[in-house]
Amino acid sequence: MSPRSALEASMITSLETHHAGDFFSNDYLSIGKLPHIRQEFLNTLSQTPSLFGSTGSRAISGSTPHHIELEQYFKEQFEAEKAMIFNSGYICNLTFFGYAPQMGDVILYDEFVHASIHDGLRISRVKEHTFSFSHNSASDLESKLKRILKDYPAIPSGLSTLFIVIESVYSMEGDFSPMEELIALVEKYVPSRSAHIVVDEAHSLGLYGPAGKGLLREWRLEKRVHSVIFPFTKAVNFIGCVLTTTPTLYQYLSNYGRSWLFTTSLPHVDLAGIRFCFEAIQTQEADQLRKSVAKLSHLFLKMFLESTYDIPKEVLSILNQESKDLHGRGLVAPVFPIYTPQPLALQHYLNKLGYAARGLAHPGVPKGTERIRVVIHGGNTEVQIRQFVKSLRAWGLSQVSLTTTGQSSLVVGGPGTLHKL
């Protein structure tokens, strides 16, 4: 039998290593680990009239009354004009960016938006008219806005649309978008009839805002954007996604969005699970978990910086540490990209200690930004965080020692030693 691949070994390790504390999953609030939630969900399912399948795609028989009812539910929850249910955030982004922009339109996006948005752009009919601006840079956004309005006169004249795309919290960087500043620039330069601001709230839904309804509502910006993407696979801890948007775009996508039209719609059991988990993040218990995430995130940041003060940043550090709270208004996102030039070696080290770590290297992340992605959860404890930071420090010191030893060997052994290496 062939030996296990690195990916297979990592997946098996991930399944076996939970006792050390969860520092890597997207279950931010630790909803999946609340024992009473399981029984409450089973009770809900026992009362659900339909469970299995959806009988077809939304284009044929998959737009059941239950699907329409759930869309109406989210329309009311988010006080939106329309709400559209998707099987996942990936399918939502593929559909929206692949089919909403029309010929003559232009798309301007933050360079670090999710891969699924990039995939949507690749199939868009305006793929040759998409531009990025530097991550979270208001000055670069302003410069690009001026250039686009000059080069595409149909936009200022109201004949075409400029889509501006950002995320409220960036999943790999763990930082906040300066949304208010960026939105203000769009409002300043782009005529209202020609602007369409899109925000992906994948990593803020459940963590921020009243009842966990996202950072836009935390900062009272929801009325100044046009479409919002709410995947349920992070803090809500389930499958699916809802897009809140305009009636016109809902009508268009439901007739022309192929990746929505021709995908078998969510089975009824998932419809029940989506609503159940969404309501779970609005409870008082979830409020306490949100506070715990915030408190523990600050603690992790403080402890990591204190514990690695004597370790060179090129060995172990938090990427973009100086901007971690630049746009957070006192908030610290629970995502920490821990840089190391040896992410797979750090992964294996942590796996042996019982952590379900995954090293991220190129092409998954840009060269020179190799990392492990640490996530703080509502169910973590201070003891777990202290032990985890202690393990990271031990790793960092071991790497410093190896580097120092290697340099000494080269000096003593000379070219001969280098040749043997």
Protein backbone atom coordinates (compact mmCIF):
# COMPACT_ATOMS: atom_id res chain seq x y z
CA MET A 1 0.00 0.00 0.00
CA SER A 2 1.35 3.41 -0.94
CA PRO A 3 2.24 5.81 1.87
CA ARG A 4 -0.27 8.49 2.79
CA SER A 5 0.05 11.81 1.03
CA ALA A 6 0.68 14.93 3.10
CA LEU A 7 -2.90 16.05 2.47
CA GLU A 8 -4.38 12.71 3.55
CA ALA A 9 -2.25 12.65 6.69
CA SER A 10 -3.25 16.22 7.49
CA MET A 11 -6.95 15.44 7.02
CA ILE A 12 -6.69 12.42 9.30
CA THR A 13 -4.83 14.49 11.87
CA SER A 14 -7.52 17.15 11.69
CA LEU A 15 -10.15 14.54 12.52
CA GLU A 16 -8.19 13.20 15.45
CA THR A 17 -6.92 16.35 17.14
CA HIS A 18 -9.52 18.31 19.02
CA HIS A 19 -8.42 17.82 22.62
CA ALA A 20 -5.85 20.61 22.46
CA GLY A 21 -8.45 23.23 21.60
CA ASP A 22 -9.87 24.44 18.31
CA PHE A 23 -7.64 27.14 16.83
CA PHE A 24 -8.24 26.49 13.14
CA SER A 25 -11.88 25.91 12.19
CA ASN A 26 -14.38 28.55 11.04
CA ASP A 27 -16.85 27.72 13.83
CA TYR A 28 -16.05 31.08 15.44
CA LEU A 29 -18.68 30.89 18.17
CA SER A 30 -18.11 27.17 18.84
CA ILE A 31 -21.80 26.61 18.13
CA GLY A 32 -21.06 23.10 16.92
CA LYS A 33 -19.65 22.15 20.32
CA LEU A 34 -22.66 23.20 22.44
CA PRO A 35 -24.17 19.92 23.68
CA HIS A 36 -27.74 21.18 23.98
CA ILE A 37 -27.73 22.50 20.38
CA ARG A 38 -27.59 18.96 19.02
CA GLN A 39 -30.75 17.85 20.79
CA GLU A 40 -32.59 21.07 19.97
CA PHE A 41 -31.73 20.60 16.31
CA LEU A 42 -32.95 17.00 16.34
CA ASN A 43 -36.19 18.16 17.94
CA THR A 44 -36.57 20.75 15.19
CA LEU A 45 -36.01 18.15 12.47
CA SER A 46 -38.57 15.81 14.03
CA GLN A 47 -41.19 18.52 13.50
CA THR A 48 -40.12 19.42 9.95
CA PRO A 49 -42.69 18.13 7.41
CA SER A 50 -40.17 17.60 4.57
CA LEU A 51 -36.56 16.54 5.06
CA PHE A 52 -34.93 14.76 2.14
CA GLY A 53 -34.07 16.30 -1.20
CA SER A 54 -35.48 19.31 -2.96
CA THR A 55 -36.62 17.42 -6.09
CA GLY A 56 -34.73 19.57 -8.57
CA SER A 57 -33.00 22.79 -9.51
CA ARG A 58 -34.48 26.22 -8.90
CA ALA A 59 -35.21 26.37 -12.64
CA ILE A 60 -37.57 23.39 -12.47
CA SER A 61 -39.06 22.02 -9.25
CA GLY A 62 -36.50 23.13 -6.66
CA SER A 63 -38.13 26.49 -5.87
CA THR A 64 -40.47 24.96 -3.32
CA PRO A 65 -42.66 27.00 -0.96
CA HIS A 66 -40.06 26.27 1.75
CA HIS A 67 -37.28 27.87 -0.33
CA ILE A 68 -39.41 30.93 -1.04
CA GLU A 69 -40.42 31.12 2.63
CA LEU A 70 -36.76 31.07 3.76
CA GLU A 71 -35.91 33.87 1.33
CA GLN A 72 -38.78 35.90 2.73
CA TYR A 73 -37.51 35.18 6.25
CA PHE A 74 -34.06 36.60 5.44
CA LYS A 75 -35.54 39.54 3.60
CA GLU A 76 -37.23 40.47 6.88
CA GLN A 77 -34.23 39.59 9.06
CA PHE A 78 -31.92 41.87 7.09
CA GLU A 79 -34.58 44.45 6.22
CA ALA A 80 -33.63 44.02 2.57
CA GLU A 81 -35.52 44.54 -0.65
CA LYS A 82 -34.92 40.94 -1.75
CA ALA A 83 -33.07 37.90 -0.43
CA MET A 84 -31.82 35.00 -2.55
CA ILE A 85 -30.74 31.62 -1.18
CA PHE A 86 -27.67 29.81 -2.57
CA ASN A 87 -26.14 26.41 -1.85
CA SER A 88 -22.89 28.05 -0.71
CA GLY A 89 -20.99 31.30 -0.62
CA TYR A 90 -18.88 30.02 -3.50
CA ILE A 91 -21.93 29.45 -5.72
CA CYS A 92 -23.30 32.84 -4.70
CA ASN A 93 -20.11 34.68 -5.69
CA LEU A 94 -19.78 32.67 -8.88
CA THR A 95 -23.35 33.53 -9.83
CA PHE A 96 -23.37 37.19 -8.84
CA PHE A 97 -20.06 38.21 -10.35
CA GLY A 98 -20.39 35.87 -13.30
CA TYR A 99 -23.82 37.09 -14.42
CA ALA A 100 -24.88 40.37 -12.78
CA PRO A 101 -22.44 42.72 -14.61
CA GLN A 102 -23.56 43.58 -18.16
CA MET A 103 -21.62 44.65 -21.22
CA GLY A 104 -20.29 48.16 -20.63
CA ASP A 105 -20.10 47.68 -16.86
CA VAL A 106 -16.84 47.74 -14.88
CA ILE A 107 -15.82 45.93 -11.69
CA LEU A 108 -13.37 47.39 -9.15
CA TYR A 109 -12.37 45.09 -6.28
CA ASP A 110 -9.99 44.84 -3.35
CA GLU A 111 -7.02 42.70 -4.40
CA PHE A 112 -7.57 40.30 -1.47
CA VAL A 113 -11.21 39.37 -2.10
CA HIS A 114 -12.03 35.67 -1.89
CA ALA A 115 -11.04 33.18 -4.59
CA SER A 116 -14.71 32.52 -5.39
CA ILE A 117 -15.14 36.18 -6.35
CA HIS A 118 -12.14 35.91 -8.67
CA ASP A 119 -13.68 32.81 -10.24
CA GLY A 120 -16.91 34.71 -10.81
CA LEU A 121 -14.95 37.51 -12.49
CA ARG A 122 -13.27 35.01 -14.80
CA ILE A 123 -16.58 33.91 -16.32
CA SER A 124 -18.08 37.40 -16.38
CA ARG A 125 -18.91 39.01 -19.71
CA VAL A 126 -16.91 42.03 -18.49
CA LYS A 127 -13.84 40.04 -17.44
CA GLU A 128 -11.65 42.33 -19.56
CA HIS A 129 -12.93 45.34 -17.63
CA THR A 130 -12.15 44.33 -14.05
CA PHE A 131 -9.60 46.19 -11.96
CA SER A 132 -8.19 45.73 -8.47
CA PHE A 133 -7.12 48.32 -5.93
CA SER A 134 -4.47 47.81 -3.27
CA HIS A 135 -5.75 46.03 -0.20
CA ASN A 136 -7.72 48.39 2.07
CA SER A 137 -6.15 51.42 0.37
CA ALA A 138 -8.53 54.38 0.20
CA SER A 139 -5.99 56.40 -1.79
CA ASP A 140 -5.61 53.70 -4.43
CA LEU A 141 -9.38 53.24 -4.61
CA GLU A 142 -9.77 56.97 -5.16
CA SER A 143 -7.14 56.95 -7.89
CA LYS A 144 -8.77 53.98 -9.66
CA LEU A 145 -12.24 55.55 -9.41
CA LYS A 146 -11.03 58.71 -11.13
CA ARG A 147 -9.30 56.73 -13.86
CA ILE A 148 -12.32 54.48 -14.53
CA LEU A 149 -14.74 57.40 -14.70
CA LYS A 150 -12.44 59.05 -17.24
CA ASP A 151 -11.90 55.92 -19.35
CA TYR A 152 -15.53 54.73 -19.24
CA PRO A 153 -17.76 57.78 -19.85
CA ALA A 154 -20.89 55.61 -19.94
CA ILE A 155 -20.59 55.27 -16.14
CA PRO A 156 -20.77 58.98 -15.19
CA SER A 157 -23.49 59.44 -17.83
CA GLY A 158 -25.61 56.75 -16.13
CA LEU A 159 -25.56 54.25 -19.00
CA SER A 160 -23.33 51.66 -17.30
CA THR A 161 -22.67 50.45 -13.76
CA LEU A 162 -19.49 50.39 -11.71
CA PHE A 163 -19.46 47.48 -9.24
CA ILE A 164 -17.23 48.07 -6.19
CA VAL A 165 -16.39 44.88 -4.28
CA ILE A 166 -14.98 44.53 -0.76
CA GLU A 167 -15.14 42.20 2.25
CA SER A 168 -15.92 43.51 5.71
CA VAL A 169 -13.36 41.19 7.34
CA TYR A 170 -10.69 39.48 5.26
CA SER A 171 -10.43 35.78 5.95
CA MET A 172 -6.71 35.29 5.31
CA GLU A 173 -5.39 38.61 6.59
CA GLY A 174 -7.63 38.92 9.63
CA ASP A 175 -8.10 42.64 9.13
CA PHE A 176 -11.04 45.00 8.68
CA SER A 177 -12.01 46.95 5.61
CA PRO A 178 -12.18 50.73 6.12
CA MET A 179 -15.72 50.45 4.79
CA GLU A 180 -17.01 53.87 5.76
CA GLU A 181 -14.07 55.61 4.07
CA LEU A 182 -14.34 53.49 0.93
CA ILE A 183 -18.11 53.90 0.67
CA ALA A 184 -17.76 57.67 1.10
CA LEU A 185 -15.30 57.80 -1.81
CA VAL A 186 -17.69 55.89 -4.05
CA GLU A 187 -20.51 58.24 -3.07
CA LYS A 188 -18.27 61.24 -3.76
CA TYR A 189 -17.15 60.26 -7.26
CA VAL A 190 -19.70 57.86 -8.76
CA PRO A 191 -23.27 58.98 -9.56
CA SER A 192 -25.70 57.06 -7.37
CA ARG A 193 -27.51 55.60 -10.39
CA SER A 194 -24.23 54.12 -11.64
CA ALA A 195 -22.73 52.71 -8.44
CA HIS A 196 -23.31 49.23 -7.01
CA ILE A 197 -21.37 48.45 -3.83
CA VAL A 198 -21.06 44.75 -2.93
CA VAL A 199 -19.86 43.56 0.50
CA ASP A 200 -19.03 39.96 1.42
CA GLU A 201 -19.75 39.48 5.14
CA ALA A 202 -18.60 35.85 5.35
CA HIS A 203 -16.24 36.49 8.26
CA SER A 204 -18.26 39.06 10.17
CA LEU A 205 -21.72 37.45 10.18
CA GLY A 206 -22.29 36.06 13.65
CA LEU A 207 -19.40 37.98 15.21
CA TYR A 208 -20.48 41.62 14.96
CA GLY A 209 -23.57 43.76 14.88
CA PRO A 210 -26.92 43.49 16.67
CA ALA A 211 -27.80 39.80 17.04
CA GLY A 212 -24.63 39.01 15.11
CA LYS A 213 -25.97 40.33 11.81
CA GLY A 214 -22.65 41.64 10.57
CA LEU A 215 -20.17 44.49 10.59
CA LEU A 216 -22.20 46.68 8.24
CA ARG A 217 -24.87 46.86 10.92
CA GLU A 218 -22.30 47.24 13.66
CA TRP A 219 -21.09 50.40 11.90
CA ARG A 220 -24.57 51.39 10.58
CA LEU A 221 -23.57 51.25 6.95
CA GLU A 222 -26.09 48.73 5.66
CA LYS A 223 -28.28 51.35 3.94
CA ARG A 224 -25.33 52.67 1.93
CA VAL A 225 -24.53 49.44 0.07
CA HIS A 226 -26.51 47.63 -2.61
CA SER A 227 -25.79 43.90 -2.35
CA VAL A 228 -24.48 41.89 0.61
CA ILE A 229 -23.28 38.28 0.61
CA PHE A 230 -23.88 36.31 3.81
CA PRO A 231 -22.35 32.79 3.70
CA PHE A 232 -23.50 30.59 6.58
CA THR A 233 -20.40 28.39 6.74
CA LYS A 234 -18.44 30.41 9.30
CA ALA A 235 -19.95 31.56 12.61
CA VAL A 236 -23.40 30.25 11.64
CA ASN A 237 -21.67 26.88 11.23
CA PHE A 238 -23.88 25.43 8.52
CA ILE A 239 -24.12 25.25 4.73
CA GLY A 240 -25.66 27.78 2.35
CA CYS A 241 -25.63 31.52 1.73
CA VAL A 242 -28.06 34.38 1.33
CA LEU A 243 -27.62 37.34 -1.00
CA THR A 244 -29.52 40.50 -0.14
CA THR A 245 -29.91 42.66 -3.21
CA THR A 246 -32.23 44.75 -5.38
CA PRO A 247 -35.45 43.39 -6.91
CA THR A 248 -34.01 43.96 -10.38
CA LEU A 249 -30.91 41.85 -9.71
CA TYR A 250 -32.96 39.16 -8.00
CA GLN A 251 -35.20 38.92 -11.05
CA TYR A 252 -32.25 38.88 -13.44
CA LEU A 253 -30.16 36.30 -11.58
CA SER A 254 -33.15 34.01 -11.08
CA ASN A 255 -33.57 33.92 -14.86
CA TYR A 256 -29.99 34.09 -16.14
CA GLY A 257 -27.69 32.98 -13.27
CA ARG A 258 -26.79 29.55 -14.60
CA SER A 259 -24.88 28.39 -11.51
CA TRP A 260 -28.02 29.12 -9.43
CA LEU A 261 -30.59 27.97 -11.98
CA PHE A 262 -29.10 24.60 -12.83
CA THR A 263 -27.73 23.45 -9.47
CA THR A 264 -30.02 21.18 -7.47
CA SER A 265 -31.43 23.41 -4.77
CA LEU A 266 -30.78 22.86 -1.09
CA PRO A 267 -32.63 19.90 0.44
CA HIS A 268 -35.29 20.65 3.02
CA VAL A 269 -33.11 19.40 5.87
CA ASP A 270 -30.60 22.14 5.02
CA LEU A 271 -33.33 24.78 4.91
CA ALA A 272 -34.32 23.77 8.42
CA GLY A 273 -30.67 23.73 9.54
CA ILE A 274 -29.94 27.18 8.10
CA ARG A 275 -32.80 28.79 9.94
CA PHE A 276 -32.07 26.88 13.16
CA CYS A 277 -28.39 27.89 13.20
CA PHE A 278 -29.13 31.48 12.20
CA GLU A 279 -31.52 31.77 15.12
CA ALA A 280 -28.92 30.15 17.38
CA ILE A 281 -26.45 33.00 16.71
CA GLN A 282 -29.07 35.54 17.85
CA THR A 283 -29.50 34.15 21.37
CA GLN A 284 -28.16 35.58 24.63
CA GLU A 285 -25.78 32.61 24.76
CA ALA A 286 -24.37 33.67 21.39
CA ASP A 287 -23.99 37.23 22.70
CA GLN A 288 -21.77 35.88 25.47
CA LEU A 289 -19.77 33.83 22.98
CA ARG A 290 -19.22 36.95 20.86
CA LYS A 291 -17.86 38.73 23.92
CA SER A 292 -15.64 35.74 24.62
CA VAL A 293 -14.25 35.77 21.07
CA ALA A 294 -13.43 39.47 21.41
CA LYS A 295 -11.80 39.09 24.83
CA LEU A 296 -9.76 36.03 23.87
CA SER A 297 -8.65 37.59 20.57
CA HIS A 298 -7.17 40.55 22.43
CA LEU A 299 -5.55 38.12 24.88
CA PHE A 300 -3.99 36.01 22.12
CA LEU A 301 -2.59 39.08 20.37
CA LYS A 302 -1.10 40.42 23.60
CA MET A 303 0.39 37.09 24.65
CA PHE A 304 1.81 36.28 21.23
CA LEU A 305 3.58 39.63 20.97
CA GLU A 306 4.96 39.32 24.51
CA SER A 307 6.11 35.73 23.96
CA THR A 308 7.86 36.33 20.64
CA TYR A 309 9.60 39.64 21.37
CA ASP A 310 13.00 37.96 21.11
CA ILE A 311 12.20 35.89 18.00
CA PRO A 312 13.06 37.54 14.65
CA LYS A 313 9.99 38.45 12.63
CA GLU A 314 11.37 36.58 9.65
CA VAL A 315 11.14 33.41 11.74
CA LEU A 316 7.71 33.80 13.37
CA SER A 317 5.38 36.78 13.43
CA ILE A 318 1.87 38.06 12.73
CA LEU A 319 1.56 39.26 9.15
CA ASN A 320 0.66 42.95 8.86
CA GLN A 321 0.74 43.23 12.64
CA GLU A 322 0.85 47.02 12.50
CA SER A 323 -2.53 47.18 10.71
CA LYS A 324 -4.28 44.47 12.73
CA ASP A 325 -6.55 47.06 14.37
CA LEU A 326 -6.09 49.89 11.87
CA HIS A 327 -9.72 49.94 10.76
CA GLY A 328 -11.34 47.95 13.56
CA ARG A 329 -12.48 50.79 15.82
CA GLY A 330 -11.14 48.96 18.84
CA LEU A 331 -12.03 45.53 17.48
CA VAL A 332 -9.55 42.75 16.84
CA ALA A 333 -10.64 40.11 14.34
CA PRO A 334 -10.22 36.52 15.61
CA VAL A 335 -8.16 35.54 12.53
CA PHE A 336 -4.37 35.71 12.93
CA PRO A 337 -2.08 34.91 9.97
CA ILE A 338 1.06 33.60 11.67
CA TYR A 339 3.98 33.93 9.29
CA THR A 340 6.74 31.35 9.07
CA PRO A 341 8.95 30.44 6.11
CA GLN A 342 8.37 26.78 7.07
CA PRO A 343 4.55 26.46 7.32
CA LEU A 344 4.41 22.71 6.70
CA ALA A 345 7.07 22.00 9.30
CA LEU A 346 5.14 24.13 11.80
CA GLN A 347 1.98 22.28 10.84
CA HIS A 348 3.57 18.90 11.61
CA TYR A 349 4.99 20.20 14.87
CA LEU A 350 1.57 21.41 16.01
CA ASN A 351 -0.16 18.26 14.76
CA LYS A 352 2.05 16.17 17.04
CA LEU A 353 0.93 18.33 19.95
CA GLY A 354 -2.72 17.70 19.14
CA TYR A 355 -3.58 20.80 17.10
CA ALA A 356 -5.43 20.52 13.77
CA ALA A 357 -3.11 22.99 12.07
CA ARG A 358 -2.73 23.39 8.31
CA GLY A 359 0.27 25.10 6.75
CA LEU A 360 -0.50 27.50 3.89
CA ALA A 361 2.13 27.97 1.23
CA HIS A 362 2.31 29.24 -2.36
CA PRO A 363 0.16 29.14 -4.52
CA GLY A 364 -2.51 29.19 -1.82
CA VAL A 365 -0.96 32.41 -0.52
CA PRO A 366 1.51 34.82 -2.18
CA LYS A 367 5.19 33.95 -1.95
CA GLY A 368 6.80 35.46 1.11
CA THR A 369 3.55 35.32 3.12
CA GLU A 370 3.57 31.63 4.04
CA ARG A 371 1.55 31.07 7.19
CA ILE A 372 -0.69 29.10 9.42
CA ARG A 373 -4.08 30.69 9.95
CA VAL A 374 -4.99 30.81 13.64
CA VAL A 375 -8.63 31.39 14.61
CA ILE A 376 -9.80 32.23 18.12
CA HIS A 377 -13.16 30.75 19.14
CA GLY A 378 -15.83 31.45 21.71
CA GLY A 379 -15.22 28.00 23.17
CA ASN A 380 -11.50 28.49 23.73
CA THR A 381 -10.17 29.05 27.24
CA GLU A 382 -7.37 31.22 28.58
CA VAL A 383 -5.49 28.09 29.58
CA GLN A 384 -5.69 26.76 26.01
CA ILE A 385 -4.46 30.05 24.60
CA ARG A 386 -1.54 30.21 27.03
CA GLN A 387 -0.50 26.66 26.13
CA PHE A 388 -0.88 27.30 22.40
CA VAL A 389 1.24 30.47 22.55
CA LYS A 390 3.81 28.57 24.58
CA SER A 391 3.96 25.95 21.82
CA LEU A 392 4.41 28.61 19.15
CA ARG A 393 7.22 30.21 21.14
CA ALA A 394 8.97 26.86 21.50
CA TRP A 395 8.75 26.37 17.75
CA GLY A 396 10.12 29.81 17.05
CA LEU A 397 13.06 29.34 19.40
CA SER A 398 13.87 25.97 17.83
CA GLN A 399 14.00 27.63 14.41
CA VAL A 400 16.31 30.35 15.70
CA SER A 401 18.55 27.65 17.16
CA LEU A 402 18.60 25.72 13.88
CA THR A 403 19.48 28.87 11.94
CA THR A 404 22.26 29.75 14.34
CA THR A 405 23.66 26.21 14.27
CA GLY A 406 23.52 26.12 10.47
CA GLN A 407 25.39 29.39 10.18
CA SER A 408 28.07 28.16 12.62
CA SER A 409 28.52 24.94 10.63
CA LEU A 410 29.04 26.88 7.43
CA VAL A 411 31.66 29.08 9.06
CA VAL A 412 33.54 26.16 10.62
CA GLY A 413 33.19 23.66 7.78
CA GLY A 414 33.59 26.08 4.90
CA PRO A 415 32.68 25.17 1.31
CA GLY A 416 33.11 21.46 1.96
CA THR A 417 30.24 21.46 4.46
CA LEU A 418 28.05 23.42 2.06
CA HIS A 419 28.74 20.86 -0.68
CA LYS A 420 27.61 18.02 1.60
CA LEU A 421 24.34 19.86 2.28
